[in-house]
Amino acid sequence: MKKWQYEPAHDLDQTLIERLRNFPREPDMLVYGLRSLVALVIRALLRGYCRFEIVGEEHLRSNRSFVLVANHSSHLDAVCLLSALPLRRLHRAFPAAAADYFFKSVPRTWIATVVVNALPFARQTNVRQSLAICGELLANAGNVLIIFPEGTRSTTGDLQEFKSGIGALVAGRDIPVLPCYLDGAFRAWPKGRRLPRPRKIRLIIGAARNYSEVPPEKNASAAIAAQLRDAVQELAAPYASR
């Protein structure tokens, strides 16, 4: 039988805010417990307050690493996608969050790391480094990466163009990519509004796509981004007139 050996976290000499901003983070059972508790509360609130509904949940039944790609129009988007995942995968799901927005102030950093388990993503500089971190996460079996390829929240609710970074990430990789569409999140909590409203939110999850046969080239990355945008738009079509 293998002898168990205790190894303390390597960041114990750092302040709390420094530890939170680190990525990858050191395991912390207190954070895990708090995140699980908050997740249960959020799921209950979404079901009751926003009548949260999931369509295509069967596409999430995989033990592999995969990427969830969705439209972005509300701060509710990430928690809705996280709420669609089984609780057992909660601590291995990482929404990519803007480093220049969510990791500047202490309150936002705490929410992003403890509640959402967000990965700090550089939108302006060091984009390649952020994509490299995303690639390392996907190389480990069982991780879930949540990405909003528009790069920022839509101010109108309309789907914007997808950045080519998502194409660069998945081209040539044997990683399932699931297009998702969030219907109602913009109406519930649009950009600029202080608190969410009680509006129905529906998450539609499409079948997985795979781009392992696509060469990781610039033109291919842009084409993949456009294809994924079209896939998300197609999921939105049945609900466009509602």
Protein backbone atom coordinates (compact mmCIF):
# COMPACT_ATOMS: atom_id res chain seq x y z
CA MET A 1 0.00 0.00 0.00
CA LYS A 2 1.30 3.44 -0.96
CA LYS A 3 2.39 5.50 2.04
CA TRP A 4 0.45 8.76 2.44
CA GLN A 5 2.54 11.88 2.84
CA TYR A 6 1.25 15.32 3.73
CA GLU A 7 2.48 18.19 1.58
CA PRO A 8 1.43 21.72 2.56
CA ALA A 9 0.29 24.22 -0.06
CA HIS A 10 3.11 26.15 -1.67
CA ASP A 11 1.41 29.53 -1.31
CA LEU A 12 0.86 29.61 2.46
CA ASP A 13 3.26 32.54 2.83
CA GLN A 14 1.16 34.71 0.49
CA THR A 15 -1.71 37.01 1.40
CA LEU A 16 -5.28 35.88 0.71
CA ILE A 17 -5.68 38.17 -2.30
CA GLU A 18 -2.36 36.95 -3.76
CA ARG A 19 -3.43 33.34 -3.31
CA LEU A 20 -6.75 34.01 -5.01
CA ARG A 21 -5.11 35.67 -8.00
CA ASN A 22 -2.75 32.75 -8.55
CA PHE A 23 -3.54 30.28 -11.30
CA PRO A 24 -3.53 27.33 -11.12
CA ARG A 25 -4.67 27.56 -7.50
CA GLU A 26 -3.66 25.36 -4.59
CA PRO A 27 -6.48 23.07 -3.34
CA ASP A 28 -8.29 24.47 -0.31
CA MET A 29 -11.00 22.39 1.35
CA LEU A 30 -12.60 25.45 2.91
CA VAL A 31 -12.95 27.09 -0.50
CA TYR A 32 -14.25 23.85 -2.00
CA GLY A 33 -16.89 23.56 0.68
CA LEU A 34 -17.94 27.19 0.41
CA ARG A 35 -18.09 27.00 -3.40
CA SER A 36 -20.28 23.89 -3.24
CA LEU A 37 -22.64 25.51 -0.74
CA VAL A 38 -22.93 28.72 -2.78
CA ALA A 39 -23.49 26.67 -5.94
CA LEU A 40 -26.46 24.90 -4.35
CA VAL A 41 -27.96 28.24 -3.31
CA ILE A 42 -27.41 29.72 -6.79
CA ARG A 43 -29.01 26.70 -8.46
CA ALA A 44 -32.05 26.97 -6.21
CA LEU A 45 -32.34 30.73 -6.90
CA LEU A 46 -32.03 30.23 -10.64
CA ARG A 47 -34.75 27.58 -10.62
CA GLY A 48 -37.10 29.64 -8.48
CA TYR A 49 -36.38 33.25 -9.46
CA CYS A 50 -35.52 32.77 -13.15
CA ARG A 51 -37.31 29.47 -13.85
CA PHE A 52 -34.01 28.17 -15.20
CA GLU A 53 -34.38 25.45 -17.82
CA ILE A 54 -31.74 23.33 -19.54
CA VAL A 55 -32.26 21.90 -23.03
CA GLY A 56 -29.75 19.33 -24.32
CA GLU A 57 -28.35 18.37 -20.93
CA GLU A 58 -27.49 14.92 -22.30
CA HIS A 59 -24.61 16.47 -24.26
CA LEU A 60 -22.80 17.15 -20.98
CA ARG A 61 -22.59 13.47 -20.02
CA SER A 62 -18.91 12.95 -20.64
CA ASN A 63 -15.92 12.33 -18.41
CA ARG A 64 -13.58 13.90 -20.94
CA SER A 65 -12.36 17.45 -20.89
CA PHE A 66 -14.47 19.72 -23.07
CA VAL A 67 -15.17 23.35 -23.90
CA LEU A 68 -18.49 25.15 -23.50
CA VAL A 69 -18.83 28.10 -25.91
CA ALA A 70 -21.73 30.50 -25.39
CA ASN A 71 -23.14 33.93 -26.13
CA HIS A 72 -22.43 36.59 -23.52
CA SER A 73 -24.87 39.30 -22.50
CA SER A 74 -25.14 39.07 -18.69
CA HIS A 75 -23.26 38.34 -15.47
CA LEU A 76 -25.69 35.42 -15.11
CA ASP A 77 -24.15 33.59 -18.07
CA ALA A 78 -21.27 31.92 -16.23
CA VAL A 79 -23.34 30.80 -13.23
CA CYS A 80 -26.00 29.36 -15.57
CA LEU A 81 -23.42 27.28 -17.42
CA LEU A 82 -21.86 26.14 -14.15
CA SER A 83 -25.31 25.23 -12.82
CA ALA A 84 -25.84 22.91 -15.78
CA LEU A 85 -22.83 20.79 -14.78
CA PRO A 86 -22.94 17.98 -12.20
CA LEU A 87 -21.75 19.12 -8.78
CA ARG A 88 -18.91 16.59 -8.91
CA ARG A 89 -17.36 18.62 -11.77
CA LEU A 90 -17.85 22.01 -10.14
CA HIS A 91 -14.26 22.39 -8.95
CA ARG A 92 -12.88 21.35 -12.33
CA ALA A 93 -14.92 23.83 -14.35
CA PHE A 94 -13.21 27.10 -15.22
CA PRO A 95 -15.02 30.05 -16.81
CA ALA A 96 -12.53 32.31 -18.61
CA ALA A 97 -13.02 35.77 -17.07
CA ALA A 98 -11.54 39.11 -18.09
CA ALA A 99 -8.45 39.68 -15.94
CA ASP A 100 -8.75 43.46 -16.30
CA TYR A 101 -12.28 43.41 -14.87
CA PHE A 102 -12.68 40.54 -12.42
CA PHE A 103 -9.18 40.42 -10.92
CA LYS A 104 -8.58 44.07 -10.01
CA SER A 105 -10.62 44.69 -6.85
CA VAL A 106 -10.77 42.41 -3.80
CA PRO A 107 -14.58 41.80 -3.90
CA ARG A 108 -14.59 40.89 -7.60
CA THR A 109 -11.51 38.70 -7.22
CA TRP A 110 -13.13 36.85 -4.31
CA ILE A 111 -16.33 36.22 -6.27
CA ALA A 112 -14.45 35.21 -9.41
CA THR A 113 -12.19 32.73 -7.64
CA VAL A 114 -14.16 31.36 -4.70
CA VAL A 115 -17.67 31.35 -6.15
CA VAL A 116 -17.08 30.95 -9.90
CA ASN A 117 -13.60 29.36 -9.98
CA ALA A 118 -12.72 31.67 -12.86
CA LEU A 119 -9.58 31.55 -14.93
CA PRO A 120 -8.06 35.03 -15.41
CA PHE A 121 -7.93 35.68 -19.16
CA ALA A 122 -5.98 38.60 -20.63
CA ARG A 123 -8.06 40.30 -23.33
CA GLN A 124 -5.56 42.91 -24.53
CA THR A 125 -2.04 41.65 -23.80
CA ASN A 126 -0.60 38.19 -23.10
CA VAL A 127 -3.49 36.57 -24.97
CA ARG A 128 -1.25 33.74 -26.16
CA GLN A 129 -0.20 33.03 -22.58
CA SER A 130 -3.86 32.84 -21.53
CA LEU A 131 -4.61 30.47 -24.42
CA ALA A 132 -1.63 28.33 -23.39
CA ILE A 133 -3.06 28.01 -19.86
CA CYS A 134 -6.42 27.03 -21.33
CA GLY A 135 -4.68 24.40 -23.44
CA GLU A 136 -2.93 22.96 -20.39
CA LEU A 137 -6.25 22.68 -18.57
CA LEU A 138 -7.83 20.81 -21.45
CA ALA A 139 -4.86 18.44 -21.63
CA ASN A 140 -5.87 17.10 -18.20
CA ALA A 141 -8.82 14.72 -18.39
CA GLY A 142 -12.04 15.84 -16.72
CA ASN A 143 -11.65 19.62 -16.89
CA VAL A 144 -14.35 21.91 -18.31
CA LEU A 145 -13.46 25.25 -19.86
CA ILE A 146 -16.19 27.86 -20.29
CA ILE A 147 -15.48 30.54 -22.89
CA PHE A 148 -17.43 33.51 -24.18
CA PRO A 149 -15.74 34.20 -27.55
CA GLU A 150 -17.42 37.59 -27.99
CA GLY A 151 -14.91 38.83 -25.42
CA THR A 152 -17.32 41.08 -23.55
CA ARG A 153 -21.01 41.31 -22.72
CA SER A 154 -23.35 42.42 -25.50
CA THR A 155 -25.08 45.70 -24.70
CA THR A 156 -28.07 44.84 -26.92
CA GLY A 157 -28.45 41.12 -26.35
CA ASP A 158 -27.57 40.42 -29.98
CA LEU A 159 -24.84 37.91 -30.76
CA GLN A 160 -21.54 39.61 -31.63
CA GLU A 161 -18.65 38.29 -33.69
CA PHE A 162 -16.48 35.59 -32.11
CA LYS A 163 -12.79 36.28 -31.57
CA SER A 164 -10.43 33.93 -33.40
CA GLY A 165 -8.79 32.88 -30.12
CA ILE A 166 -11.35 30.13 -29.63
CA GLY A 167 -10.35 28.71 -33.01
CA ALA A 168 -6.66 28.86 -32.12
CA LEU A 169 -7.40 26.99 -28.89
CA VAL A 170 -9.31 24.04 -30.37
CA ALA A 171 -7.74 23.66 -33.84
CA GLY A 172 -5.72 20.46 -34.02
CA ARG A 173 -6.87 19.32 -30.56
CA ASP A 174 -9.02 16.27 -29.89
CA ILE A 175 -11.30 18.24 -27.59
CA PRO A 176 -15.14 18.31 -27.79
CA VAL A 177 -16.52 21.82 -28.20
CA LEU A 178 -20.17 22.32 -27.21
CA PRO A 179 -21.98 25.39 -28.57
CA CYS A 180 -24.50 26.84 -26.10
CA TYR A 181 -27.10 29.59 -26.25
CA LEU A 182 -28.45 31.45 -23.22
CA ASP A 183 -31.95 32.76 -23.84
CA GLY A 184 -33.38 35.30 -21.40
CA ALA A 185 -30.20 36.15 -19.48
CA PHE A 186 -30.02 39.57 -21.13
CA ARG A 187 -33.61 40.34 -20.19
CA ALA A 188 -32.98 39.18 -16.64
CA TRP A 189 -29.75 41.09 -16.03
CA PRO A 190 -28.49 43.30 -18.87
CA LYS A 191 -25.23 45.20 -18.71
CA GLY A 192 -25.62 48.35 -16.61
CA ARG A 193 -28.44 47.06 -14.42
CA ARG A 194 -27.63 46.73 -10.74
CA LEU A 195 -29.70 43.67 -9.84
CA PRO A 196 -31.30 40.85 -11.86
CA ARG A 197 -35.01 40.74 -12.65
CA PRO A 198 -37.26 37.66 -12.42
CA ARG A 199 -37.17 36.62 -16.09
CA LYS A 200 -37.11 33.08 -17.46
CA ILE A 201 -33.68 31.86 -18.55
CA ARG A 202 -33.19 28.90 -20.84
CA LEU A 203 -29.84 27.25 -21.65
CA ILE A 204 -29.72 25.34 -24.93
CA ILE A 205 -26.74 23.00 -25.33
CA GLY A 206 -25.81 21.73 -28.78
CA ALA A 207 -24.02 18.58 -29.86
CA ALA A 208 -20.24 18.49 -29.51
CA ARG A 209 -17.96 19.46 -32.40
CA ASN A 210 -14.37 18.41 -32.87
CA TYR A 211 -11.62 20.23 -34.76
CA SER A 212 -8.74 17.79 -34.30
CA GLU A 213 -8.34 17.45 -38.09
CA VAL A 214 -8.14 21.20 -38.67
CA PRO A 215 -4.58 22.56 -38.89
CA PRO A 216 -3.79 25.24 -36.27
CA GLU A 217 -3.39 28.11 -38.75
CA LYS A 218 -4.58 31.71 -38.63
CA ASN A 219 -7.20 31.34 -41.37
CA ALA A 220 -8.46 28.10 -39.85
CA SER A 221 -8.82 29.74 -36.42
CA ALA A 222 -11.00 32.50 -37.85
CA ALA A 223 -13.09 29.94 -39.74
CA ILE A 224 -13.65 27.85 -36.60
CA ALA A 225 -14.71 30.95 -34.66
CA ALA A 226 -17.21 31.82 -37.39
CA GLN A 227 -18.56 28.24 -37.47
CA LEU A 228 -19.05 28.20 -33.72
CA ARG A 229 -20.83 31.55 -33.84
CA ASP A 230 -23.17 30.14 -36.51
CA ALA A 231 -23.78 27.07 -34.33
CA VAL A 232 -24.74 29.24 -31.36
CA GLN A 233 -26.97 31.37 -33.62
CA GLU A 234 -28.72 28.24 -34.87
CA LEU A 235 -29.51 27.20 -31.30
CA ALA A 236 -31.04 30.65 -30.73
CA ALA A 237 -33.27 30.53 -33.83
CA PRO A 238 -36.27 28.67 -32.30
CA TYR A 239 -36.48 31.27 -29.51
CA ALA A 240 -35.84 34.43 -31.55
CA SER A 241 -39.49 35.46 -31.75
CA ARG A 242 -40.32 34.82 -28.07
